[in-house]
Amino acid sequence: MQLARMAGMDFSQSQLVGTAVAILTNFLLNNRLTYHDRRLKGAR
């Protein structure tokens, strides 16, 4: 969000970009760590 702000985006745009990247990061980490015993692979 701070990087997006420095790139000239307003608060709502910056928050949206930061949230989207956080969603992707959280999915990948949860798939690898939190749900390691139920890890999704491939098409799943």
All heavy atoms as atom14 arrays in JSON, in Angstrom:
{
  "sequence": "MQLARMAGMDFSQSQLVGTAVAILTNFLLNNRLTYHDRRLKGAR",
  "atom14_mask": [
    [1, 1, 1, 1, 1, 1, 1, 1, 0, 0, 0, 0, 0, 0],
    [1, 1, 1, 1, 1, 1, 1, 1, 1, 0, 0, 0, 0, 0],
    [1, 1, 1, 1, 1, 1, 1, 1, 0, 0, 0, 0, 0, 0],
    [1, 1, 1, 1, 1, 0, 0, 0, 0, 0, 0, 0, 0, 0],
    [1, 1, 1, 1, 1, 1, 1, 1, 1, 1, 1, 0, 0, 0],
    [1, 1, 1, 1, 1, 1, 1, 1, 0, 0, 0, 0, 0, 0],
    [1, 1, 1, 1, 1, 0, 0, 0, 0, 0, 0, 0, 0, 0],
    [1, 1, 1, 1, 0, 0, 0, 0, 0, 0, 0, 0, 0, 0],
    [1, 1, 1, 1, 1, 1, 1, 1, 0, 0, 0, 0, 0, 0],
    [1, 1, 1, 1, 1, 1, 1, 1, 0, 0, 0, 0, 0, 0],
    [1, 1, 1, 1, 1, 1, 1, 1, 1, 1, 1, 0, 0, 0],
    [1, 1, 1, 1, 1, 1, 0, 0, 0, 0, 0, 0, 0, 0],
    [1, 1, 1, 1, 1, 1, 1, 1, 1, 0, 0, 0, 0, 0],
    [1, 1, 1, 1, 1, 1, 0, 0, 0, 0, 0, 0, 0, 0],
    [1, 1, 1, 1, 1, 1, 1, 1, 1, 0, 0, 0, 0, 0],
    [1, 1, 1, 1, 1, 1, 1, 1, 0, 0, 0, 0, 0, 0],
    [1, 1, 1, 1, 1, 1, 1, 0, 0, 0, 0, 0, 0, 0],
    [1, 1, 1, 1, 0, 0, 0, 0, 0, 0, 0, 0, 0, 0],
    [1, 1, 1, 1, 1, 1, 1, 0, 0, 0, 0, 0, 0, 0],
    [1, 1, 1, 1, 1, 0, 0, 0, 0, 0, 0, 0, 0, 0],
    [1, 1, 1, 1, 1, 1, 1, 0, 0, 0, 0, 0, 0, 0],
    [1, 1, 1, 1, 1, 0, 0, 0, 0, 0, 0, 0, 0, 0],
    [1, 1, 1, 1, 1, 1, 1, 1, 0, 0, 0, 0, 0, 0],
    [1, 1, 1, 1, 1, 1, 1, 1, 0, 0, 0, 0, 0, 0],
    [1, 1, 1, 1, 1, 1, 1, 0, 0, 0, 0, 0, 0, 0],
    [1, 1, 1, 1, 1, 1, 1, 1, 0, 0, 0, 0, 0, 0],
    [1, 1, 1, 1, 1, 1, 1, 1, 1, 1, 1, 0, 0, 0],
    [1, 1, 1, 1, 1, 1, 1, 1, 0, 0, 0, 0, 0, 0],
    [1, 1, 1, 1, 1, 1, 1, 1, 0, 0, 0, 0, 0, 0],
    [1, 1, 1, 1, 1, 1, 1, 1, 0, 0, 0, 0, 0, 0],
    [1, 1, 1, 1, 1, 1, 1, 1, 0, 0, 0, 0, 0, 0],
    [1, 1, 1, 1, 1, 1, 1, 1, 1, 1, 1, 0, 0, 0],
    [1, 1, 1, 1, 1, 1, 1, 1, 0, 0, 0, 0, 0, 0],
    [1, 1, 1, 1, 1, 1, 1, 0, 0, 0, 0, 0, 0, 0],
    [1, 1, 1, 1, 1, 1, 1, 1, 1, 1, 1, 1, 0, 0],
    [1, 1, 1, 1, 1, 1, 1, 1, 1, 1, 0, 0, 0, 0],
    [1, 1, 1, 1, 1, 1, 1, 1, 0, 0, 0, 0, 0, 0],
    [1, 1, 1, 1, 1, 1, 1, 1, 1, 1, 1, 0, 0, 0],
    [1, 1, 1, 1, 1, 1, 1, 1, 1, 1, 1, 0, 0, 0],
    [1, 1, 1, 1, 1, 1, 1, 1, 0, 0, 0, 0, 0, 0],
    [1, 1, 1, 1, 1, 1, 1, 1, 1, 0, 0, 0, 0, 0],
    [1, 1, 1, 1, 0, 0, 0, 0, 0, 0, 0, 0, 0, 0],
    [1, 1, 1, 1, 1, 0, 0, 0, 0, 0, 0, 0, 0, 0],
    [1, 1, 1, 1, 1, 1, 1, 1, 1, 1, 1, 0, 0, 0]
  ],
  "atom14_positions": [
    [[0.83, -1.2, 0.0], [0.0, 0.0, 0.0], [0.87, 1.25, 0.0], [0.61, 2.19, -0.75], [-0.93, -0.01, 1.22], [-1.94, 1.09, 1.2], [-1.96, 2.26, 2.59], [-0.72, 1.78, 3.69], [0.0, 0.0, 0.0], [0.0, 0.0, 0.0], [0.0, 0.0, 0.0], [0.0, 0.0, 0.0], [0.0, 0.0, 0.0], [0.0, 0.0, 0.0]],
    [[1.93, 1.25, 0.79], [2.83, 2.41, 0.83], [3.55, 2.58, -0.51], [3.72, 3.71, -0.98], [3.85, 2.26, 1.97], [3.26, 2.39, 3.35], [2.79, 3.8, 3.69], [2.85, 4.73, 2.88], [2.3, 3.97, 4.91], [0.0, 0.0, 0.0], [0.0, 0.0, 0.0], [0.0, 0.0, 0.0], [0.0, 0.0, 0.0], [0.0, 0.0, 0.0]],
    [[3.96, 1.48, -1.13], [4.61, 1.56, -2.44], [3.65, 2.11, -3.49], [4.02, 2.94, -4.33], [5.13, 0.18, -2.87], [6.31, -0.36, -2.06], [6.6, -1.81, -2.45], [7.54, 0.51, -2.23], [0.0, 0.0, 0.0], [0.0, 0.0, 0.0], [0.0, 0.0, 0.0], [0.0, 0.0, 0.0], [0.0, 0.0, 0.0], [0.0, 0.0, 0.0]],
    [[2.4, 1.67, -3.43], [1.39, 2.17, -4.36], [1.13, 3.66, -4.12], [0.97, 4.43, -5.07], [0.1, 1.36, -4.23], [0.0, 0.0, 0.0], [0.0, 0.0, 0.0], [0.0, 0.0, 0.0], [0.0, 0.0, 0.0], [0.0, 0.0, 0.0], [0.0, 0.0, 0.0], [0.0, 0.0, 0.0], [0.0, 0.0, 0.0], [0.0, 0.0, 0.0]],
    [[1.13, 4.04, -2.88], [0.95, 5.46, -2.53], [2.09, 6.29, -3.11], [1.87, 7.35, -3.68], [0.88, 5.61, -1.02], [0.75, 7.04, -0.56], [0.77, 7.12, 0.95], [0.66, 8.5, 1.38], [1.02, 8.92, 2.57], [1.52, 8.08, 3.45], [0.9, 10.19, 2.89], [0.0, 0.0, 0.0], [0.0, 0.0, 0.0], [0.0, 0.0, 0.0]],
    [[3.32, 5.79, -2.96], [4.48, 6.51, -3.5], [4.43, 6.57, -5.03], [5.0, 7.47, -5.64], [5.78, 5.86, -3.04], [6.05, 6.08, -1.55], [7.67, 5.54, -0.97], [7.68, 3.81, -1.36], [0.0, 0.0, 0.0], [0.0, 0.0, 0.0], [0.0, 0.0, 0.0], [0.0, 0.0, 0.0], [0.0, 0.0, 0.0], [0.0, 0.0, 0.0]],
    [[3.73, 5.6, -5.64], [3.59, 5.59, -7.1], [2.48, 6.55, -7.56], [2.23, 6.67, -8.75], [3.3, 4.18, -7.59], [0.0, 0.0, 0.0], [0.0, 0.0, 0.0], [0.0, 0.0, 0.0], [0.0, 0.0, 0.0], [0.0, 0.0, 0.0], [0.0, 0.0, 0.0], [0.0, 0.0, 0.0], [0.0, 0.0, 0.0], [0.0, 0.0, 0.0]],
    [[1.8, 7.2, -6.6], [0.82, 8.21, -6.95], [-0.64, 7.8, -6.82], [-1.53, 8.57, -7.17], [0.0, 0.0, 0.0], [0.0, 0.0, 0.0], [0.0, 0.0, 0.0], [0.0, 0.0, 0.0], [0.0, 0.0, 0.0], [0.0, 0.0, 0.0], [0.0, 0.0, 0.0], [0.0, 0.0, 0.0], [0.0, 0.0, 0.0], [0.0, 0.0, 0.0]],
    [[-0.9, 6.6, -6.3], [-2.3, 6.17, -6.14], [-2.91, 6.84, -4.91], [-2.19, 7.16, -3.96], [-2.37, 4.65, -5.98], [-2.0, 3.89, -7.21], [-2.23, 2.11, -6.9], [-1.7, 1.45, -8.46], [0.0, 0.0, 0.0], [0.0, 0.0, 0.0], [0.0, 0.0, 0.0], [0.0, 0.0, 0.0], [0.0, 0.0, 0.0], [0.0, 0.0, 0.0]],
    [[-4.26, 7.0, -4.92], [-4.91, 7.54, -3.73], [-5.08, 6.41, -2.7], [-4.7, 5.27, -2.94], [-6.26, 8.19, -4.09], [-7.34, 7.22, -4.56], [-7.25, 6.01, -4.27], [-8.27, 7.68, -5.23], [0.0, 0.0, 0.0], [0.0, 0.0, 0.0], [0.0, 0.0, 0.0], [0.0, 0.0, 0.0], [0.0, 0.0, 0.0], [0.0, 0.0, 0.0]],
    [[-5.65, 6.76, -1.55], [-5.73, 5.79, -0.45], [-6.5, 4.53, -0.84], [-6.03, 3.42, -0.62], [-6.37, 6.43, 0.79], [-6.49, 5.46, 1.93], [-5.39, 5.12, 2.7], [-7.71, 4.86, 2.22], [-5.5, 4.21, 3.74], [-7.83, 3.96, 3.26], [-6.72, 3.63, 4.02], [0.0, 0.0, 0.0], [0.0, 0.0, 0.0], [0.0, 0.0, 0.0]],
    [[-7.69, 4.68, -1.41], [-8.51, 3.51, -1.73], [-7.84, 2.62, -2.76], [-7.86, 1.38, -2.64], [-9.89, 3.94, -2.22], [-10.6, 4.57, -1.17], [0.0, 0.0, 0.0], [0.0, 0.0, 0.0], [0.0, 0.0, 0.0], [0.0, 0.0, 0.0], [0.0, 0.0, 0.0], [0.0, 0.0, 0.0], [0.0, 0.0, 0.0], [0.0, 0.0, 0.0]],
    [[-7.25, 3.21, -3.78], [-6.53, 2.42, -4.79], [-5.35, 1.69, -4.17], [-5.13, 0.51, -4.43], [-6.03, 3.32, -5.93], [-7.12, 3.92, -6.77], [-6.59, 5.01, -7.69], [-5.61, 5.69, -7.39], [-7.24, 5.17, -8.84], [0.0, 0.0, 0.0], [0.0, 0.0, 0.0], [0.0, 0.0, 0.0], [0.0, 0.0, 0.0], [0.0, 0.0, 0.0]],
    [[-4.6, 2.4, -3.34], [-3.44, 1.8, -2.68], [-3.85, 0.65, -1.77], [-3.21, -0.4, -1.74], [-2.69, 2.85, -1.85], [-2.22, 3.89, -2.66], [0.0, 0.0, 0.0], [0.0, 0.0, 0.0], [0.0, 0.0, 0.0], [0.0, 0.0, 0.0], [0.0, 0.0, 0.0], [0.0, 0.0, 0.0], [0.0, 0.0, 0.0], [0.0, 0.0, 0.0]],
    [[-4.94, 0.85, -1.05], [-5.44, -0.18, -0.15], [-5.89, -1.41, -0.94], [-5.63, -2.54, -0.55], [-6.59, 0.37, 0.7], [-7.16, -0.59, 1.7], [-6.19, -0.97, 2.8], [-5.14, -0.36, 2.98], [-6.52, -2.0, 3.54], [0.0, 0.0, 0.0], [0.0, 0.0, 0.0], [0.0, 0.0, 0.0], [0.0, 0.0, 0.0], [0.0, 0.0, 0.0]],
    [[-6.53, -1.19, -2.08], [-6.99, -2.3, -2.92], [-5.82, -3.1, -3.46], [-5.83, -4.34, -3.4], [-7.86, -1.77, -4.06], [-8.51, -2.82, -4.95], [-9.46, -3.69, -4.14], [-9.25, -2.15, -6.09], [0.0, 0.0, 0.0], [0.0, 0.0, 0.0], [0.0, 0.0, 0.0], [0.0, 0.0, 0.0], [0.0, 0.0, 0.0], [0.0, 0.0, 0.0]],
    [[-4.78, -2.43, -3.94], [-3.6, -3.13, -4.46], [-2.92, -3.9, -3.33], [-2.55, -5.08, -3.49], [-2.62, -2.14, -5.13], [-1.29, -2.8, -5.45], [-3.25, -1.57, -6.39], [0.0, 0.0, 0.0], [0.0, 0.0, 0.0], [0.0, 0.0, 0.0], [0.0, 0.0, 0.0], [0.0, 0.0, 0.0], [0.0, 0.0, 0.0], [0.0, 0.0, 0.0]],
    [[-2.73, -3.26, -2.18], [-2.1, -3.94, -1.04], [-2.89, -5.15, -0.6], [-2.32, -6.21, -0.29], [0.0, 0.0, 0.0], [0.0, 0.0, 0.0], [0.0, 0.0, 0.0], [0.0, 0.0, 0.0], [0.0, 0.0, 0.0], [0.0, 0.0, 0.0], [0.0, 0.0, 0.0], [0.0, 0.0, 0.0], [0.0, 0.0, 0.0], [0.0, 0.0, 0.0]],
    [[-4.2, -5.03, -0.59], [-5.06, -6.14, -0.18], [-4.97, -7.3, -1.17], [-4.9, -8.46, -0.77], [-6.51, -5.65, -0.03], [-6.54, -4.62, 0.96], [-7.43, -6.78, 0.39], [0.0, 0.0, 0.0], [0.0, 0.0, 0.0], [0.0, 0.0, 0.0], [0.0, 0.0, 0.0], [0.0, 0.0, 0.0], [0.0, 0.0, 0.0], [0.0, 0.0, 0.0]],
    [[-4.95, -7.0, -2.45], [-4.86, -8.05, -3.48], [-3.55, -8.84, -3.35], [-3.55, -10.08, -3.4], [-4.99, -7.45, -4.87], [0.0, 0.0, 0.0], [0.0, 0.0, 0.0], [0.0, 0.0, 0.0], [0.0, 0.0, 0.0], [0.0, 0.0, 0.0], [0.0, 0.0, 0.0], [0.0, 0.0, 0.0], [0.0, 0.0, 0.0], [0.0, 0.0, 0.0]],
    [[-2.45, -8.15, -3.15], [-1.17, -8.83, -3.0], [-1.15, -9.64, -1.7], [-0.63, -10.75, -1.65], [0.01, -7.82, -3.06], [1.33, -8.5, -2.75], [0.06, -7.16, -4.43], [0.0, 0.0, 0.0], [0.0, 0.0, 0.0], [0.0, 0.0, 0.0], [0.0, 0.0, 0.0], [0.0, 0.0, 0.0], [0.0, 0.0, 0.0], [0.0, 0.0, 0.0]],
    [[-1.76, -9.1, -0.64], [-1.83, -9.82, 0.63], [-2.67, -11.09, 0.49], [-2.33, -12.13, 1.07], [-2.4, -8.91, 1.72], [0.0, 0.0, 0.0], [0.0, 0.0, 0.0], [0.0, 0.0, 0.0], [0.0, 0.0, 0.0], [0.0, 0.0, 0.0], [0.0, 0.0, 0.0], [0.0, 0.0, 0.0], [0.0, 0.0, 0.0], [0.0, 0.0, 0.0]],
    [[-3.75, -11.04, -0.27], [-4.59, -12.24, -0.49], [-3.77, -13.34, -1.16], [-3.81, -14.5, -0.73], [-5.85, -11.89, -1.31], [-6.84, -11.1, -0.46], [-6.52, -13.15, -1.85], [-8.01, -10.52, -1.23], [0.0, 0.0, 0.0], [0.0, 0.0, 0.0], [0.0, 0.0, 0.0], [0.0, 0.0, 0.0], [0.0, 0.0, 0.0], [0.0, 0.0, 0.0]],
    [[-3.04, -13.0, -2.2], [-2.2, -13.99, -2.88], [-1.14, -14.55, -1.93], [-0.96, -15.77, -1.85], [-1.53, -13.37, -4.11], [-0.53, -14.27, -4.84], [-1.21, -15.52, -5.38], [0.16, -13.49, -5.95], [0.0, 0.0, 0.0], [0.0, 0.0, 0.0], [0.0, 0.0, 0.0], [0.0, 0.0, 0.0], [0.0, 0.0, 0.0], [0.0, 0.0, 0.0]],
    [[-0.48, -13.68, -1.2], [0.56, -14.11, -0.25], [-0.03, -15.03, 0.81], [0.53, -16.09, 1.11], [1.21, -12.89, 0.41], [1.76, -12.05, -0.6], [2.29, -13.29, 1.39], [0.0, 0.0, 0.0], [0.0, 0.0, 0.0], [0.0, 0.0, 0.0], [0.0, 0.0, 0.0], [0.0, 0.0, 0.0], [0.0, 0.0, 0.0], [0.0, 0.0, 0.0]],
    [[-1.18, -14.65, 1.37], [-1.8, -15.47, 2.41], [-2.23, -16.83, 1.88], [-2.07, -17.84, 2.57], [-2.99, -14.74, 3.02], [-2.57, -13.67, 4.0], [-1.38, -13.42, 4.2], [-3.53, -13.01, 4.59], [0.0, 0.0, 0.0], [0.0, 0.0, 0.0], [0.0, 0.0, 0.0], [0.0, 0.0, 0.0], [0.0, 0.0, 0.0], [0.0, 0.0, 0.0]],
    [[-2.77, -16.88, 0.67], [-3.17, -18.17, 0.11], [-1.95, -19.09, -0.02], [-1.99, -20.24, 0.41], [-3.84, -18.01, -1.25], [-4.13, -19.34, -1.88], [-5.22, -20.1, -1.47], [-3.29, -19.88, -2.85], [-5.47, -21.36, -2.02], [-3.53, -21.12, -3.4], [-4.62, -21.87, -2.99], [0.0, 0.0, 0.0], [0.0, 0.0, 0.0], [0.0, 0.0, 0.0]],
    [[-0.89, -18.58, -0.6], [0.31, -19.41, -0.81], [0.91, -19.88, 0.51], [1.28, -21.05, 0.65], [1.34, -18.64, -1.64], [0.91, -18.33, -3.08], [1.92, -17.41, -3.75], [0.69, -19.6, -3.89], [0.0, 0.0, 0.0], [0.0, 0.0, 0.0], [0.0, 0.0, 0.0], [0.0, 0.0, 0.0], [0.0, 0.0, 0.0], [0.0, 0.0, 0.0]],
    [[0.99, -18.99, 1.49], [1.55, -19.37, 2.8], [0.63, -20.34, 3.54], [1.1, -21.3, 4.15], [1.82, -18.13, 3.65], [3.0, -17.27, 3.2], [3.08, -16.0, 4.04], [4.3, -18.05, 3.27], [0.0, 0.0, 0.0], [0.0, 0.0, 0.0], [0.0, 0.0, 0.0], [0.0, 0.0, 0.0], [0.0, 0.0, 0.0], [0.0, 0.0, 0.0]],
    [[-0.67, -20.09, 3.49], [-1.6, -21.01, 4.17], [-1.57, -22.39, 3.51], [-1.62, -23.41, 4.2], [-3.02, -20.45, 4.18], [-3.22, -19.48, 5.3], [-2.84, -19.72, 6.44], [-3.83, -18.35, 4.99], [0.0, 0.0, 0.0], [0.0, 0.0, 0.0], [0.0, 0.0, 0.0], [0.0, 0.0, 0.0], [0.0, 0.0, 0.0], [0.0, 0.0, 0.0]],
    [[-1.49, -22.42, 2.2], [-1.44, -23.7, 1.5], [-0.17, -24.47, 1.88], [-0.19, -25.69, 2.01], [-1.51, -23.49, -0.01], [-1.82, -24.76, -0.76], [-2.75, -25.49, -0.41], [-1.04, -25.05, -1.78], [0.0, 0.0, 0.0], [0.0, 0.0, 0.0], [0.0, 0.0, 0.0], [0.0, 0.0, 0.0], [0.0, 0.0, 0.0], [0.0, 0.0, 0.0]],
    [[0.92, -23.76, 2.06], [2.21, -24.4, 2.37], [2.38, -24.69, 3.86], [2.93, -25.72, 4.23], [3.35, -23.49, 1.89], [4.74, -23.89, 2.31], [5.24, -25.1, 1.53], [6.61, -25.4, 1.85], [6.98, -26.33, 2.72], [6.08, -27.06, 3.34], [8.25, -26.55, 2.97], [0.0, 0.0, 0.0], [0.0, 0.0, 0.0], [0.0, 0.0, 0.0]],
    [[1.88, -23.79, 4.72], [2.16, -23.91, 6.16], [0.95, -24.32, 6.99], [0.96, -25.37, 7.62], [2.72, -22.58, 6.69], [3.96, -22.05, 5.99], [4.31, -20.65, 6.48], [5.13, -22.99, 6.19], [0.0, 0.0, 0.0], [0.0, 0.0, 0.0], [0.0, 0.0, 0.0], [0.0, 0.0, 0.0], [0.0, 0.0, 0.0], [0.0, 0.0, 0.0]],
    [[-0.09, -23.51, 6.99], [-1.24, -23.76, 7.86], [-1.96, -25.06, 7.52], [-2.34, -25.82, 8.4], [-2.23, -22.58, 7.76], [-1.53, -21.36, 7.99], [-3.36, -22.74, 8.75], [0.0, 0.0, 0.0], [0.0, 0.0, 0.0], [0.0, 0.0, 0.0], [0.0, 0.0, 0.0], [0.0, 0.0, 0.0], [0.0, 0.0, 0.0], [0.0, 0.0, 0.0]],
    [[-2.14, -25.3, 6.23], [-2.86, -26.49, 5.78], [-1.9, -27.45, 5.06], [-2.27, -28.06, 4.06], [-4.02, -26.09, 4.86], [-5.04, -25.22, 5.57], [-5.01, -23.83, 5.42], [-6.01, -25.78, 6.39], [-5.94, -23.03, 6.08], [-6.93, -24.99, 7.05], [-6.89, -23.61, 6.89], [-7.8, -22.82, 7.54], [0.0, 0.0, 0.0], [0.0, 0.0, 0.0]],
    [[-0.7, -27.58, 5.57], [0.31, -28.43, 4.92], [-0.16, -29.87, 4.77], [0.21, -30.55, 3.83], [1.65, -28.38, 5.68], [1.55, -28.9, 7.07], [1.78, -30.2, 7.38], [1.22, -28.29, 8.22], [1.6, -30.39, 8.68], [1.27, -29.23, 9.21], [0.0, 0.0, 0.0], [0.0, 0.0, 0.0], [0.0, 0.0, 0.0], [0.0, 0.0, 0.0]],
    [[-1.01, -30.32, 5.69], [-1.53, -31.69, 5.63], [-2.69, -31.82, 4.64], [-3.12, -32.93, 4.33], [-1.96, -32.16, 7.02], [-3.01, -31.27, 7.64], [-2.98, -30.04, 7.4], [-3.86, -31.79, 8.38], [0.0, 0.0, 0.0], [0.0, 0.0, 0.0], [0.0, 0.0, 0.0], [0.0, 0.0, 0.0], [0.0, 0.0, 0.0], [0.0, 0.0, 0.0]],
    [[-3.18, -30.7, 4.15], [-4.29, -30.69, 3.19], [-3.9, -29.88, 1.95], [-4.77, -29.35, 1.27], [-5.52, -30.03, 3.81], [-5.99, -30.66, 5.09], [-7.12, -29.85, 5.67], [-7.45, -30.33, 7.01], [-8.35, -29.78, 7.78], [-9.02, -28.72, 7.37], [-8.6, -30.26, 8.97], [0.0, 0.0, 0.0], [0.0, 0.0, 0.0], [0.0, 0.0, 0.0]],
    [[-2.63, -29.77, 1.69], [-2.11, -28.9, 0.64], [-2.78, -29.16, -0.7], [-2.95, -30.3, -1.12], [-0.59, -29.11, 0.5], [0.04, -28.1, -0.42], [1.54, -28.22, -0.46], [2.07, -28.08, 0.88], [3.19, -28.66, 1.28], [3.9, -29.38, 0.46], [3.61, -28.5, 2.51], [0.0, 0.0, 0.0], [0.0, 0.0, 0.0], [0.0, 0.0, 0.0]],
    [[-3.17, -28.08, -1.35], [-3.77, -28.16, -2.68], [-2.66, -28.1, -3.71], [-1.73, -27.31, -3.59], [-4.74, -27.0, -2.88], [-5.87, -26.86, -1.86], [-6.66, -25.59, -2.11], [-6.77, -28.08, -1.89], [0.0, 0.0, 0.0], [0.0, 0.0, 0.0], [0.0, 0.0, 0.0], [0.0, 0.0, 0.0], [0.0, 0.0, 0.0], [0.0, 0.0, 0.0]],
    [[-2.79, -28.93, -4.74], [-1.78, -28.98, -5.8], [-2.48, -28.99, -7.16], [-3.62, -29.4, -7.27], [-0.9, -30.22, -5.66], [-0.1, -30.27, -4.38], [0.68, -31.56, -4.27], [1.4, -31.6, -2.93], [2.07, -32.85, -2.7], [0.0, 0.0, 0.0], [0.0, 0.0, 0.0], [0.0, 0.0, 0.0], [0.0, 0.0, 0.0], [0.0, 0.0, 0.0]],
    [[-1.73, -28.56, -8.17], [-2.24, -28.61, -9.53], [-3.5, -27.81, -9.72], [-3.64, -26.69, -9.23], [0.0, 0.0, 0.0], [0.0, 0.0, 0.0], [0.0, 0.0, 0.0], [0.0, 0.0, 0.0], [0.0, 0.0, 0.0], [0.0, 0.0, 0.0], [0.0, 0.0, 0.0], [0.0, 0.0, 0.0], [0.0, 0.0, 0.0], [0.0, 0.0, 0.0]],
    [[-4.45, -28.41, -10.44], [-5.72, -27.74, -10.74], [-6.5, -27.41, -9.47], [-7.16, -26.37, -9.39], [-6.56, -28.6, -11.68], [0.0, 0.0, 0.0], [0.0, 0.0, 0.0], [0.0, 0.0, 0.0], [0.0, 0.0, 0.0], [0.0, 0.0, 0.0], [0.0, 0.0, 0.0], [0.0, 0.0, 0.0], [0.0, 0.0, 0.0], [0.0, 0.0, 0.0]],
    [[-6.41, -28.28, -8.46], [-7.11, -28.03, -7.18], [-6.57, -26.76, -6.52], [-7.32, -26.03, -5.87], [-6.98, -29.22, -6.23], [-7.83, -30.4, -6.66], [-7.81, -31.53, -5.63], [-8.42, -31.08, -4.4], [-7.9, -31.3, -3.18], [-6.78, -31.96, -3.03], [-8.51, -30.85, -2.11], [0.0, 0.0, 0.0], [0.0, 0.0, 0.0], [0.0, 0.0, 0.0]]
  ]
}
